[in-house]
Protein backbone atom coordinates (compact mmCIF):
# COMPACT_ATOMS: atom_id res chain seq x y z
CA UNK A 1 1.06 1.93 19.33
CA UNK A 2 2.95 -0.97 17.80
CA UNK A 3 5.21 -0.29 14.86
CA UNK A 4 5.95 -3.56 13.10
CA UNK A 5 9.11 -4.46 11.22
CA UNK A 6 8.86 -3.82 7.48
CA UNK A 7 10.26 -6.56 5.27
CA UNK A 8 12.54 -5.15 2.59
CA UNK A 9 13.60 -6.36 -0.83
CA UNK A 10 15.06 -8.94 -1.51
CA UNK A 11 13.35 -10.77 1.42
CA UNK A 12 11.76 -13.86 -0.15
CA UNK A 13 8.65 -13.53 2.04
CA UNK A 14 7.62 -10.54 -0.09
CA UNK A 15 7.18 -12.95 -3.03
CA UNK A 16 4.59 -15.14 -1.27
CA UNK A 17 0.90 -15.10 -2.20
CA UNK A 18 -1.31 -14.15 0.74
CA UNK A 19 -4.19 -16.25 2.05
CA UNK A 20 -7.77 -14.97 2.33
CA UNK A 21 -8.93 -13.77 5.74
CA UNK A 22 -11.59 -16.05 7.15
CA UNK A 23 -11.79 -14.95 10.80
CA UNK A 24 -12.91 -11.42 11.60
CA UNK A 25 -12.10 -11.14 15.28
CA UNK A 26 -10.35 -8.96 17.85
CA UNK A 27 -6.96 -10.38 16.84
CA UNK A 28 -7.50 -9.16 13.26
CA UNK A 29 -8.63 -5.72 14.46
CA UNK A 30 -5.54 -5.41 16.68
CA UNK A 31 -3.27 -6.41 13.79
CA UNK A 32 -4.92 -3.84 11.50
CA UNK A 33 -4.28 -1.11 14.11
CA UNK A 34 -0.61 -2.16 14.25
CA UNK A 35 -0.45 -2.04 10.43
CA UNK A 36 -1.84 1.49 10.46
CA UNK A 37 0.64 2.57 13.14
CA UNK A 38 3.44 1.11 11.02
CA UNK A 39 2.21 2.88 7.86
CA UNK A 40 1.91 6.22 9.67
CA UNK A 41 5.45 5.84 11.07
CA UNK A 42 6.86 5.55 7.53
CA UNK A 43 7.86 8.70 5.68
CA UNK A 44 5.25 9.74 3.14
CA UNK A 45 3.46 6.39 3.19
CA UNK A 46 -0.04 6.14 1.72
CA UNK A 47 -0.52 2.39 2.03
CA UNK A 48 0.64 -0.87 3.51
CA UNK A 49 -0.07 -4.55 2.96
CA UNK A 50 -0.03 -7.25 5.63
CA UNK A 51 2.61 -9.16 3.67
CA UNK A 52 5.02 -6.23 4.11
CA UNK A 53 5.07 -6.92 7.85
CA UNK A 54 5.39 -10.69 7.49
CA UNK A 55 1.71 -11.73 7.70
CA UNK A 56 0.51 -13.46 4.57
CA UNK A 57 -3.14 -12.53 4.84
CA UNK A 58 -5.12 -10.46 2.35
CA UNK A 59 -5.32 -7.12 4.17
CA UNK A 60 -4.25 -3.69 2.91
CA UNK A 61 -4.67 -0.13 4.13
CA UNK A 62 -4.82 2.73 1.62
CA UNK A 63 -5.03 6.38 2.69
CA UNK A 64 -4.21 9.14 0.23
CA UNK A 65 -6.32 11.73 2.09
CA UNK A 66 -3.20 13.59 3.25
CA UNK A 67 -2.38 14.55 -0.32
CA UNK A 68 -4.04 17.85 -1.30
CA UNK A 69 -6.58 17.97 -4.13
CA UNK A 70 -6.74 14.20 -4.61
CA UNK A 71 -10.13 12.56 -4.94
CA UNK A 72 -10.32 9.78 -2.35
CA UNK A 73 -12.43 7.73 0.03
CA UNK A 74 -10.36 8.54 3.14
CA UNK A 75 -8.60 5.76 5.02
CA UNK A 76 -9.62 2.39 3.61
CA UNK A 77 -8.99 -0.97 5.21
CA UNK A 78 -9.53 -3.56 2.49
CA UNK A 79 -9.77 -7.21 3.50
CA UNK A 80 -9.72 -9.82 0.74
CA UNK A 81 -9.65 -7.08 -1.94
CA UNK A 82 -10.24 -7.88 -5.57
CA UNK A 83 -10.06 -5.55 -8.55
CA UNK A 84 -13.20 -6.36 -10.52
CA UNK A 85 -13.00 -3.64 -13.15
CA UNK A 86 -10.34 -1.37 -14.61
CA UNK A 87 -10.10 1.24 -17.32
CA UNK A 88 -7.35 3.24 -19.00
CA UNK A 89 -3.61 3.09 -18.46
CA UNK A 90 -1.16 5.66 -17.13
CA UNK A 91 2.51 5.71 -16.18
CA UNK A 92 3.32 7.07 -12.73
CA UNK A 93 6.17 7.13 -10.23
CA UNK A 94 5.89 4.75 -7.28
CA UNK A 95 7.84 4.11 -4.13
CA UNK A 96 7.48 1.45 -1.47
CA UNK A 97 8.24 0.93 2.21
CA UNK A 98 9.71 -2.46 1.23
CA UNK A 99 12.00 -0.90 -1.42
CA UNK A 100 13.15 2.15 0.54
CA UNK A 101 16.03 3.23 -1.67
CA UNK A 102 14.29 3.40 -5.05
CA UNK A 103 11.27 4.67 -6.94
CA UNK A 104 10.17 3.68 -10.40
CA UNK A 105 7.80 4.34 -13.28
CA UNK A 106 4.96 1.82 -13.41
CA UNK A 107 1.96 1.43 -15.72
CA UNK A 108 -1.34 1.09 -13.83
CA UNK A 109 -5.03 1.34 -14.61
CA UNK A 110 -6.35 4.90 -14.29
CA UNK A 111 -9.72 3.81 -12.87
CA UNK A 112 -10.61 0.68 -10.96
CA UNK A 113 -13.46 -0.85 -9.00
CA UNK A 114 -12.39 -2.77 -5.90
CA UNK A 115 -14.61 -5.27 -4.13
CA UNK A 116 -13.52 -6.15 -0.59
CA UNK A 117 -14.60 -6.69 2.97
CA UNK A 118 -14.06 -4.23 5.79
CA UNK A 119 -12.37 -5.12 9.07
CA UNK A 120 -15.61 -6.58 10.46
CA UNK A 121 -16.36 -8.71 7.38
CA UNK A 122 -18.92 -6.39 5.78
CA UNK A 123 -18.97 -6.24 1.99
CA UNK A 124 -17.86 -3.01 0.31
CA UNK A 125 -17.10 -1.75 -3.17
CA UNK A 126 -15.17 1.35 -4.19
CA UNK A 127 -14.72 3.16 -7.49
CA UNK A 128 -11.26 4.72 -7.51
CA UNK A 129 -9.30 6.85 -9.93
CA UNK A 130 -5.94 8.52 -10.24
CA UNK A 131 -3.55 8.36 -7.31
CA UNK A 132 -5.93 6.44 -5.04
CA UNK A 133 -6.42 3.77 -7.73
CA UNK A 134 -2.65 3.56 -8.20
CA UNK A 135 -2.06 3.16 -4.45
CA UNK A 136 -4.71 0.44 -4.17
CA UNK A 137 -3.26 -1.49 -7.12
CA UNK A 138 0.22 -1.22 -5.60
CA UNK A 139 -0.94 -2.59 -2.24
CA UNK A 140 -3.06 -5.37 -3.74
CA UNK A 141 -0.01 -6.44 -5.81
CA UNK A 142 1.82 -7.08 -2.51
CA UNK A 143 -0.83 -9.67 -1.63
CA UNK A 144 0.06 -11.54 -4.82
CA UNK A 145 3.80 -11.43 -4.15
CA UNK A 146 4.49 -8.57 -6.56
CA UNK A 147 6.56 -5.44 -5.97
CA UNK A 148 6.56 -2.31 -8.12
CA UNK A 149 9.99 -3.57 -9.31
CA UNK A 150 8.13 -6.39 -11.09
CA UNK A 151 6.04 -3.85 -13.03
CA UNK A 152 8.65 -1.27 -14.05
CA UNK A 153 8.20 0.10 -17.54
CA UNK A 154 11.95 -0.45 -18.07
CA UNK A 155 14.52 -1.60 -15.51
CA UNK A 156 17.17 0.37 -17.37
CA UNK A 157 15.37 3.71 -17.70
CA UNK A 158 12.60 3.75 -15.09
CA UNK A 159 14.23 2.89 -11.77
CA UNK A 160 15.55 5.82 -9.75
CA UNK A 161 17.53 6.18 -6.54
CA UNK A 162 15.25 7.81 -3.97
CA UNK A 163 15.99 11.13 -2.36
CA UNK A 164 16.99 10.72 1.29
CA UNK A 165 14.07 11.20 3.66
CA UNK A 166 14.61 14.03 6.11
CA UNK A 167 12.75 13.53 9.39
CA UNK A 168 12.11 16.59 11.48
CA UNK A 169 12.86 16.41 15.19
CA UNK A 170 9.41 17.93 15.65
CA UNK A 171 7.48 15.11 14.00
CA UNK A 172 5.34 13.31 16.54
CA UNK A 173 5.53 9.51 16.66
CA UNK A 174 3.02 8.11 14.20
CA UNK A 175 3.17 11.20 11.95
CA UNK A 176 5.31 11.47 8.88
CA UNK A 177 6.63 14.12 6.54
CA UNK A 178 5.04 13.87 3.12
CA UNK A 179 7.48 13.66 0.24
CA UNK A 180 6.36 15.86 -2.66
């Protein structure tokens, strides 16, 4: 297990646009495993983008399956993801591993269709809605150098100091407590 360092705001590297992945090899697979280990080590995390760990390549992981009663596709590794369709708008609260001290209200599409490649280069397409769609949009934004801070409804009224995460001594490495 390799837990990578998470870049945090205001690190300028978070503002960079990521490059498409062109080589699907063992090095990429190893990096994706390290990304997943890093995501799982974070409290309540449901996604991570390669740019958050200092690699400007178009790779994200989204996994909202740990949240009860949420329609989802399980753990998704999306390489070179592109949102090709969206519908509806909704405001929702978001947090981020790269902005650990704050959450904020952000407007996102309620339903999206994402076209991407998997970790071996195979083509895939997913219809997402609700929380999974929100998480995917959040992670894909990272690949374009955007943080949820850039999409706040209002900086004055919709940015909130986060509750302090409480880690149990009984949490195994790689597991996290889910914030409600």
